[in-house]
Amino acid sequence: MQTQPQTKPTLPDNLESASCPVVEHTNNQQKTARKPDYAAPAIECDSEGTWHIRDFKVARQILRGSNAHQAGFNAELITKVPGMTNTPILYLEGKEHNQQRKHTARFFAPKVVSDNYRRLMERLVNEIISEIERKRRVDLSKLSLKLAVRVAAEVVGLTNSRLPGMAKRLEAFFEGDINTSKWTPKTLINSIRGQMNMASFFFLDVKPAIKARKRKPQEDVISHLVTHDYNNVEILTECVTYAAAGMATTREFISVATWHFLEQPELRQRYLIASEKERYAILEEILRLEPVVSHLYRRASSEITFEHNGTSYTIPEGAKIDLYIYNTNADKEIVGEQPLSICPARELQGTNIPQAMMSFGDGHHRCPGSYIAIQESDILLQRLLSLDNLHIVRTPDLSWRDLISSYELRNFVIAL
C-alpha cells in the first residue's frame, strides 16, 4: 500500500463552512472499537447493578456533577495503598481535587506548553524524522513511544534517570495488566513482575528526580509535589499516573492518526495545507472517532437523578457507572449524520462541546494534558506526512489494555 501526496486541493478559508474531504466514505471508518454495539440502549442497568451510559448528555451530566467519584484505573485499590497520605490527583474529589488541579494547571496551559515544550517537541521530531530518512523502514509504534515518553518526562520532571531506557521500563510496567478481581497463578506472577518493574522505575527514574528537585526545584510536577511534602510512594504514584496519561494515550493516537492519513490521501493533503486551527480540528475529529480510552468508570457517592427521552432515572448511591466513550462520541443527536466517519467540518450540536467530545474526558477530571497531546502529535504528523513516498508496509496489530480500557497498536511498519 503506497499513499503519496497528490495535487493539493483548494480549501475554503473557514473550516466550519467546508465539507468533508472524503465524501465517498459514508460508512464505518472506525478501526479500534473492541466490541462496538451502537444499537445498544442509551441507558441500562444490568443484573449486577452496574449502570451503562451511552448517551452524551447524560454522561456529561454525570462527569460534571458532584455525585460520582472515580472508579476506574484501579481507584479503589490505589486509595488503600499503605503510607499514602496525599491521594493522587486522579482519584481526588471535591474541594481538595479542585485545589490540586488549580496548583498543577500551570504546567499544562496552552501558552506554557508552547513556551516551554514546543522546542523540545520539535527537536525530538527532528531526531525521529532523521531516523526514518536514514533507515527508510521503521516501526512507528516504537518511535511514537520515544516522543511521548520524552515529552511527558519533561512535564513531570523525570529527567535525571540513573540509566537510559525509561521508555522500556514504563512500557514493561504498563504491559503487565493485573486482573485484581480473580487471582490465579498467572495473575500472581504478573503481580510480582509488575512490582519489580515498578521498583525499577522508582529507583532508576523517580528517586533521582526527587533528589535533584529537593536540591533545586524546577517548573514541573515533581517539584510541585516535593514542595508540598509528598512522600516517595505518593510521588511514584503520581508519576505512574501522569506517565500513563502522557505516554500510553498519545503514543496510540499518533499511530491511529497516521493510519487514517496514509489510507486517506485526500484527508492527508487537506491536513498538510491547513492552518494550525484546522489541523487541530482534524486531529480532534480523528480522536473523536478513535478515543484511546474507551470507558470511564464512576461510582455514585449519592443518588444521581436524570432524564432521558422523557423518562426519569435514579442511580442509587454506591452503584458503579460505566460510561461508553465510543458511543457517546457517536451520539447522532450531537454529531449528526455519519457519526462513524471522519469529517473535520463536522458541526457539533450543543454548547461548548469540544471537537474530540469525550475523548479527553469531561468535568473536573478532564485530561489536563489534552493540549500537549494534540500539539506534539501535530508537530510530528506535519513532518511525517510531508515525507515523499511515505506508505504503510504493515498495518498495526490491534489489542486492548484492560487496566485503562484502551487500545494498543503495535508493529506498525511504515517506509519511504
Protein backbone atom coordinates (compact mmCIF):
# COMPACT_ATOMS: atom_id res chain seq x y z
CA MET A 1 0.00 0.00 0.00
CA GLN A 2 1.52 3.33 -1.02
CA THR A 3 0.00 6.75 -0.48
CA GLN A 4 1.74 9.85 -1.78
CA PRO A 5 0.65 13.49 -1.74
CA GLN A 6 -1.29 14.33 -4.88
CA THR A 7 -2.26 17.73 -6.26
CA LYS A 8 -3.13 19.92 -3.31
CA PRO A 9 -6.82 20.80 -3.09
CA THR A 10 -8.07 24.34 -2.66
CA LEU A 11 -9.94 24.70 0.61
CA PRO A 12 -12.39 27.30 1.90
CA ASP A 13 -10.96 29.87 4.31
CA ASN A 14 -13.15 28.67 7.16
CA LEU A 15 -13.06 25.02 8.12
CA GLU A 16 -16.54 25.37 9.59
CA SER A 17 -18.00 26.08 6.16
CA ALA A 18 -16.10 23.34 4.38
CA SER A 19 -17.47 19.94 3.52
CA CYS A 20 -15.95 16.60 4.43
CA PRO A 21 -12.94 15.89 2.18
CA VAL A 22 -13.75 12.23 1.57
CA VAL A 23 -17.45 12.18 0.76
CA GLU A 24 -17.47 8.71 -0.74
CA HIS A 25 -16.83 7.13 2.67
CA THR A 26 -20.29 7.10 4.17
CA ASN A 27 -19.97 4.06 6.39
CA ASN A 28 -17.78 2.93 9.24
CA GLN A 29 -14.18 4.22 9.13
CA GLN A 30 -13.54 3.28 12.75
CA LYS A 31 -10.57 0.98 13.32
CA THR A 32 -10.22 0.46 17.06
CA ALA A 33 -13.58 -0.24 18.73
CA ARG A 34 -13.32 -3.56 20.56
CA LYS A 35 -16.96 -4.67 20.61
CA PRO A 36 -18.97 -1.86 19.08
CA ASP A 37 -22.68 -2.03 19.71
CA TYR A 38 -24.21 1.22 18.59
CA ALA A 39 -27.71 -0.25 18.70
CA ALA A 40 -27.49 -0.90 22.45
CA PRO A 41 -29.80 1.07 24.78
CA ALA A 42 -28.59 4.55 25.68
CA ILE A 43 -29.32 3.86 29.36
CA GLU A 44 -29.48 0.46 31.04
CA CYS A 45 -28.78 -1.24 34.35
CA ASP A 46 -27.57 -4.85 34.35
CA SER A 47 -28.35 -7.66 36.79
CA GLU A 48 -25.33 -6.77 38.95
CA GLY A 49 -26.47 -3.20 39.41
CA THR A 50 -23.95 -1.58 37.06
CA TRP A 51 -25.33 1.29 35.00
CA HIS A 52 -24.30 1.51 31.36
CA ILE A 53 -24.45 5.02 29.88
CA ARG A 54 -24.10 5.56 26.13
CA ASP A 55 -25.79 8.95 25.77
CA PHE A 56 -23.51 12.01 25.51
CA LYS A 57 -25.62 14.46 27.52
CA VAL A 58 -26.24 12.03 30.37
CA ALA A 59 -22.56 11.05 30.50
CA ARG A 60 -21.56 14.71 30.61
CA GLN A 61 -24.04 15.39 33.42
CA ILE A 62 -22.54 12.57 35.48
CA LEU A 63 -18.94 13.64 34.84
CA ARG A 64 -19.64 17.29 35.61
CA GLY A 65 -21.71 16.58 38.70
CA SER A 66 -20.54 16.11 42.27
CA ASN A 67 -22.44 12.87 42.94
CA ALA A 68 -19.95 10.38 41.47
CA HIS A 69 -16.30 9.62 42.15
CA GLN A 70 -13.53 7.88 40.23
CA ALA A 71 -13.97 4.10 39.93
CA GLY A 72 -11.59 3.31 37.05
CA PHE A 73 -7.82 2.87 36.85
CA ASN A 74 -7.86 0.66 39.98
CA ALA A 75 -9.15 3.61 42.03
CA GLU A 76 -10.46 1.54 44.92
CA LEU A 77 -7.12 -0.31 45.15
CA ILE A 78 -4.84 2.72 44.79
CA THR A 79 -6.54 4.72 47.53
CA LYS A 80 -5.76 1.90 50.01
CA VAL A 81 -2.00 1.83 49.36
CA PRO A 82 -0.11 1.86 52.71
CA GLY A 83 1.84 5.01 53.54
CA MET A 84 -0.26 7.25 51.32
CA THR A 85 -1.50 10.42 53.00
CA ASN A 86 -1.91 12.53 49.86
CA THR A 87 -4.31 10.84 47.45
CA PRO A 88 -3.17 11.04 43.78
CA ILE A 89 -4.92 13.81 41.87
CA LEU A 90 -6.59 11.32 39.53
CA TYR A 91 -8.52 9.92 42.50
CA LEU A 92 -9.22 13.12 44.45
CA GLU A 93 -12.71 14.58 44.56
CA GLY A 94 -14.39 17.81 45.59
CA LYS A 95 -12.63 20.85 47.00
CA GLU A 96 -9.33 19.04 47.53
CA HIS A 97 -9.25 17.94 43.88
CA ASN A 98 -10.10 21.43 42.64
CA GLN A 99 -7.25 22.92 44.67
CA GLN A 100 -4.73 20.42 43.29
CA ARG A 101 -5.93 20.97 39.72
CA LYS A 102 -5.51 24.70 40.23
CA HIS A 103 -1.96 24.21 41.52
CA THR A 104 -0.88 21.97 38.62
CA ALA A 105 -2.80 23.73 35.83
CA ARG A 106 0.18 25.98 35.12
CA PHE A 107 2.15 23.02 33.76
CA PHE A 108 -0.49 22.27 31.10
CA ALA A 109 -1.79 25.68 29.97
CA PRO A 110 -1.52 26.15 26.16
CA LYS A 111 0.84 29.14 26.43
CA VAL A 112 3.08 27.32 28.91
CA VAL A 113 3.15 24.25 26.67
CA SER A 114 4.12 26.32 23.62
CA ASP A 115 6.70 28.40 25.50
CA ASN A 116 8.31 25.59 27.49
CA TYR A 117 7.95 22.42 25.43
CA ARG A 118 7.49 23.26 21.76
CA ARG A 119 11.24 23.47 21.07
CA LEU A 120 11.74 20.13 22.81
CA MET A 121 8.97 18.59 20.70
CA GLU A 122 10.48 19.98 17.50
CA ARG A 123 13.95 18.72 18.41
CA LEU A 124 12.64 15.23 19.19
CA VAL A 125 10.63 15.19 15.97
CA ASN A 126 13.74 16.19 14.02
CA GLU A 127 15.51 13.16 15.50
CA ILE A 128 12.61 10.87 14.58
CA ILE A 129 12.40 12.16 11.00
CA SER A 130 16.18 11.79 10.61
CA GLU A 131 15.92 8.19 11.80
CA ILE A 132 13.13 7.46 9.32
CA GLU A 133 15.08 9.01 6.44
CA ARG A 134 18.18 7.05 7.41
CA LYS A 135 16.54 3.65 7.96
CA ARG A 136 13.81 4.06 5.29
CA ARG A 137 11.67 1.49 7.11
CA VAL A 138 10.59 1.81 10.77
CA ASP A 139 8.07 0.70 13.35
CA LEU A 140 6.08 3.85 14.08
CA SER A 141 4.75 2.47 17.37
CA LYS A 142 8.31 2.49 18.76
CA LEU A 143 9.14 5.98 17.51
CA SER A 144 5.90 7.45 18.85
CA LEU A 145 6.74 5.90 22.23
CA LYS A 146 10.07 7.75 22.32
CA LEU A 147 8.38 11.06 21.61
CA ALA A 148 5.50 10.60 24.05
CA VAL A 149 7.74 9.47 26.91
CA ARG A 150 10.31 12.24 26.46
CA VAL A 151 7.67 14.97 26.40
CA ALA A 152 5.76 13.53 29.37
CA ALA A 153 9.02 13.12 31.28
CA GLU A 154 9.88 16.79 30.79
CA VAL A 155 6.49 17.96 32.05
CA VAL A 156 6.52 15.61 35.04
CA GLY A 157 10.20 16.12 35.84
CA LEU A 158 11.59 12.64 35.14
CA THR A 159 14.84 13.96 33.69
CA ASN A 160 17.53 12.55 35.99
CA SER A 161 17.45 8.80 35.30
CA ARG A 162 20.41 6.74 36.51
CA LEU A 163 20.29 4.62 33.36
CA PRO A 164 18.80 5.14 29.89
CA GLY A 165 15.74 3.13 28.93
CA MET A 166 12.92 4.74 30.91
CA ALA A 167 10.55 4.23 27.98
CA LYS A 168 11.14 0.47 28.04
CA ARG A 169 10.75 0.36 31.83
CA LEU A 170 7.41 2.16 31.64
CA GLU A 171 6.27 0.00 28.75
CA ALA A 172 7.10 -3.16 30.69
CA PHE A 173 5.13 -1.90 33.66
CA PHE A 174 2.02 -0.99 31.66
CA GLU A 175 2.07 -4.26 29.71
CA GLY A 176 1.55 -6.16 32.97
CA ASP A 177 -2.18 -5.56 33.45
CA ILE A 178 -3.44 -7.33 36.54
CA ASN A 179 -7.00 -8.58 36.96
CA THR A 180 -7.49 -7.97 40.66
CA SER A 181 -10.98 -9.49 40.62
CA LYS A 182 -9.71 -13.01 40.07
CA TRP A 183 -6.38 -14.24 41.44
CA THR A 184 -4.74 -17.15 39.63
CA PRO A 185 -1.11 -18.32 39.43
CA LYS A 186 -0.78 -16.22 36.28
CA THR A 187 -2.09 -13.05 37.90
CA LEU A 188 0.18 -13.66 40.90
CA ILE A 189 3.21 -13.92 38.61
CA ASN A 190 2.09 -10.80 36.76
CA SER A 191 1.67 -9.01 40.08
CA ILE A 192 5.20 -9.89 41.18
CA ARG A 193 6.61 -8.90 37.80
CA GLY A 194 4.67 -5.64 37.95
CA GLN A 195 6.09 -4.84 41.39
CA MET A 196 9.61 -5.49 40.11
CA ASN A 197 9.02 -3.19 37.13
CA MET A 198 7.60 -0.55 39.46
CA ALA A 199 10.63 -0.83 41.74
CA SER A 200 12.96 -0.48 38.76
CA PHE A 201 11.12 2.64 37.60
CA PHE A 202 11.27 4.12 41.09
CA PHE A 203 14.96 3.53 41.81
CA LEU A 204 16.26 4.35 38.33
CA ASP A 205 13.96 7.21 37.33
CA VAL A 206 11.77 8.64 40.07
CA LYS A 207 14.11 8.68 43.07
CA PRO A 208 16.95 10.51 41.23
CA ALA A 209 14.41 13.11 40.05
CA ILE A 210 13.15 13.64 43.60
CA LYS A 211 16.70 14.05 44.89
CA ALA A 212 17.58 16.57 42.18
CA ARG A 213 14.46 18.65 42.84
CA LYS A 214 15.00 18.74 46.57
CA ARG A 215 18.33 20.39 45.79
CA LYS A 216 17.00 22.65 43.04
CA PRO A 217 13.25 22.85 42.30
CA GLN A 218 12.13 23.18 38.68
CA GLU A 219 8.87 24.16 36.96
CA ASP A 220 7.50 20.61 36.82
CA VAL A 221 5.11 18.28 38.59
CA ILE A 222 7.66 16.51 40.80
CA SER A 223 8.99 19.83 42.10
CA HIS A 224 5.44 20.82 42.99
CA LEU A 225 4.91 17.54 44.85
CA VAL A 226 8.22 17.84 46.72
CA THR A 227 7.33 21.40 47.76
CA HIS A 228 4.03 20.12 49.16
CA ASP A 229 5.76 17.37 51.19
CA TYR A 230 4.57 14.36 49.22
CA ASN A 231 6.44 11.21 50.24
CA ASN A 232 8.20 8.84 47.86
CA VAL A 233 5.24 6.47 47.48
CA GLU A 234 2.90 9.35 46.67
CA ILE A 235 5.28 10.88 44.15
CA LEU A 236 5.82 7.49 42.50
CA THR A 237 2.06 7.01 42.17
CA GLU A 238 1.63 10.46 40.61
CA CYS A 239 4.48 9.74 38.17
CA VAL A 240 2.84 6.49 37.08
CA THR A 241 -0.48 8.31 36.64
CA TYR A 242 0.98 11.10 34.53
CA ALA A 243 3.17 8.68 32.59
CA ALA A 244 0.15 6.55 31.72
CA ALA A 245 -1.72 9.61 30.51
CA GLY A 246 1.19 11.15 28.67
CA MET A 247 2.81 8.05 27.25
CA ALA A 248 0.17 5.44 26.59
CA THR A 249 -2.57 7.61 25.16
CA THR A 250 -0.50 9.97 22.98
CA ARG A 251 1.53 7.10 21.58
CA GLU A 252 -1.58 5.28 20.40
CA PHE A 253 -3.19 8.39 18.97
CA ILE A 254 -0.15 9.21 16.81
CA SER A 255 -0.30 5.72 15.34
CA VAL A 256 -4.04 5.66 14.66
CA ALA A 257 -3.98 9.15 13.14
CA THR A 258 -1.12 8.15 10.83
CA TRP A 259 -3.03 5.02 9.85
CA HIS A 260 -6.04 7.09 8.81
CA PHE A 261 -3.99 9.70 6.96
CA LEU A 262 -2.00 7.16 4.94
CA GLU A 263 -5.15 5.32 3.91
CA GLN A 264 -6.99 8.53 3.01
CA PRO A 265 -4.77 10.63 0.69
CA GLU A 266 -7.30 13.47 0.40
CA LEU A 267 -7.50 13.82 4.17
CA ARG A 268 -3.71 13.78 4.32
CA GLN A 269 -3.43 16.53 1.70
CA ARG A 270 -6.01 18.64 3.43
CA TYR A 271 -4.20 18.34 6.75
CA LEU A 272 -0.83 19.32 5.25
CA ILE A 273 -2.08 22.61 3.79
CA ALA A 274 -4.38 23.54 6.67
CA SER A 275 -3.87 26.25 9.28
CA GLU A 276 -2.98 25.19 12.82
CA LYS A 277 -6.59 25.65 13.93
CA GLU A 278 -7.82 23.44 11.10
CA ARG A 279 -5.14 20.80 11.70
CA TYR A 280 -6.10 20.59 15.36
CA ALA A 281 -9.76 20.21 14.35
CA ILE A 282 -8.85 17.33 12.03
CA LEU A 283 -6.83 15.61 14.76
CA GLU A 284 -9.62 16.04 17.29
CA GLU A 285 -12.15 14.63 14.82
CA ILE A 286 -9.96 11.54 14.40
CA LEU A 287 -9.70 11.29 18.18
CA ARG A 288 -13.48 11.59 18.48
CA LEU A 289 -13.78 8.54 16.23
CA GLU A 290 -10.89 6.65 17.88
CA PRO A 291 -10.89 7.55 21.61
CA VAL A 292 -7.85 5.95 23.20
CA VAL A 293 -9.68 5.40 26.50
CA SER A 294 -12.95 3.67 25.65
CA HIS A 295 -14.63 3.53 29.06
CA LEU A 296 -14.74 5.85 32.05
CA TYR A 297 -15.93 4.39 35.33
CA ARG A 298 -17.55 6.17 38.24
CA ARG A 299 -19.29 5.14 41.46
CA ALA A 300 -22.28 7.09 42.73
CA SER A 301 -21.43 8.79 46.02
CA SER A 302 -25.10 9.75 46.38
CA GLU A 303 -28.24 9.33 44.30
CA ILE A 304 -28.00 10.64 40.73
CA THR A 305 -31.25 11.60 39.03
CA PHE A 306 -31.54 12.47 35.34
CA GLU A 307 -33.96 12.38 32.44
CA HIS A 308 -33.56 10.82 29.02
CA ASN A 309 -36.19 10.90 26.28
CA GLY A 310 -38.91 11.79 28.75
CA THR A 311 -38.06 9.03 31.24
CA SER A 312 -36.66 9.78 34.70
CA TYR A 313 -33.87 7.58 36.08
CA THR A 314 -32.24 7.37 39.51
CA ILE A 315 -28.84 5.76 40.01
CA PRO A 316 -28.62 4.66 43.67
CA GLU A 317 -25.75 5.53 45.96
CA GLY A 318 -22.88 3.05 45.64
CA ALA A 319 -23.77 1.89 42.13
CA LYS A 320 -21.00 1.52 39.57
CA ILE A 321 -21.38 3.53 36.36
CA ASP A 322 -19.80 2.58 33.03
CA LEU A 323 -19.59 5.43 30.51
CA TYR A 324 -19.12 4.19 26.92
CA ILE A 325 -16.91 6.75 25.16
CA TYR A 326 -17.18 5.25 21.67
CA ASN A 327 -20.96 5.52 21.97
CA THR A 328 -21.08 9.00 23.48
CA ASN A 329 -18.73 10.21 20.74
CA ALA A 330 -21.05 8.78 18.08
CA ASP A 331 -24.27 10.17 19.57
CA LYS A 332 -26.13 11.31 16.43
CA GLU A 333 -28.05 13.94 18.37
CA ILE A 334 -24.70 15.70 18.86
CA VAL A 335 -22.56 14.69 15.86
CA GLY A 336 -25.25 14.47 13.18
CA GLU A 337 -25.07 12.12 10.22
CA GLN A 338 -22.26 9.64 9.52
CA PRO A 339 -21.01 9.52 13.13
CA LEU A 340 -18.51 6.76 12.29
CA SER A 341 -16.73 8.65 9.52
CA ILE A 342 -14.10 11.39 9.69
CA CYS A 343 -15.48 14.83 8.88
CA PRO A 344 -13.25 17.74 10.02
CA ALA A 345 -16.02 20.21 9.12
CA ARG A 346 -18.47 18.48 11.45
CA GLU A 347 -20.68 20.89 13.35
CA LEU A 348 -21.47 19.53 16.80
CA GLN A 349 -24.93 20.32 18.13
CA GLY A 350 -24.62 21.78 21.60
CA THR A 351 -22.91 24.40 23.72
CA ASN A 352 -19.16 24.32 24.39
CA ILE A 353 -18.67 20.77 23.14
CA PRO A 354 -15.03 20.11 22.20
CA GLN A 355 -14.36 18.58 18.79
CA ALA A 356 -12.89 15.47 20.42
CA MET A 357 -16.07 15.20 22.53
CA MET A 358 -15.43 12.78 25.44
CA SER A 359 -12.03 11.53 24.26
CA PHE A 360 -10.26 13.61 26.91
CA GLY A 361 -12.99 13.00 29.45
CA ASP A 362 -15.14 15.81 30.83
CA GLY A 363 -15.85 17.64 34.05
CA HIS A 364 -13.34 18.12 36.85
CA HIS A 365 -11.34 15.01 35.86
CA ARG A 366 -10.95 16.04 32.22
CA CYS A 367 -7.42 15.28 30.99
CA PRO A 368 -5.23 18.32 31.82
CA GLY A 369 -2.68 17.39 29.16
CA SER A 370 -5.02 17.47 26.16
CA TYR A 371 -3.25 20.43 24.57
CA ILE A 372 0.14 18.76 24.98
CA ALA A 373 -1.13 15.61 23.27
CA ILE A 374 -2.58 17.49 20.30
CA GLN A 375 0.42 19.79 19.88
CA GLU A 376 3.10 17.09 19.96
CA SER A 377 1.04 14.87 17.64
CA ASP A 378 0.61 17.76 15.22
CA ILE A 379 4.31 18.64 15.19
CA LEU A 380 5.25 15.04 14.37
CA LEU A 381 2.48 14.43 11.84
CA GLN A 382 3.22 17.60 9.88
CA ARG A 383 6.78 16.43 9.30
CA LEU A 384 5.97 12.75 8.90
CA LEU A 385 3.18 13.15 6.35
CA SER A 386 5.29 15.55 4.27
CA LEU A 387 7.83 12.82 3.51
CA ASP A 388 7.80 11.72 -0.13
CA ASN A 389 6.72 8.14 -0.82
CA LEU A 390 5.68 7.51 2.78
CA HIS A 391 3.48 4.43 2.84
CA ILE A 392 2.28 1.57 5.01
CA VAL A 393 4.22 -1.68 4.77
CA ARG A 394 2.34 -3.45 7.54
CA THR A 395 -0.85 -2.31 9.25
CA PRO A 396 -0.56 -2.44 13.05
CA ASP A 397 -1.57 -5.27 15.34
CA LEU A 398 -4.56 -4.19 17.41
CA SER A 399 -5.04 -5.29 21.02
CA TRP A 400 -6.54 -3.82 24.19
CA ARG A 401 -5.31 -2.95 27.67
CA ASP A 402 -7.97 -3.58 30.28
CA LEU A 403 -6.46 -1.50 33.10
CA ILE A 404 -7.06 1.79 31.29
CA SER A 405 -9.67 0.49 28.80
CA SER A 406 -7.50 1.46 25.85
CA TYR A 407 -6.41 0.04 22.53
CA GLU A 408 -2.80 -0.68 21.58
CA LEU A 409 -1.29 -0.50 18.10
CA ARG A 410 1.99 -2.38 17.68
CA ASN A 411 4.27 -3.42 14.81
CA PHE A 412 3.09 -0.55 12.62
CA VAL A 413 5.69 -0.59 9.84
CA ILE A 414 5.94 2.40 7.53
CA ALA A 415 8.56 3.10 4.87
CA LEU A 416 9.82 5.55 2.28
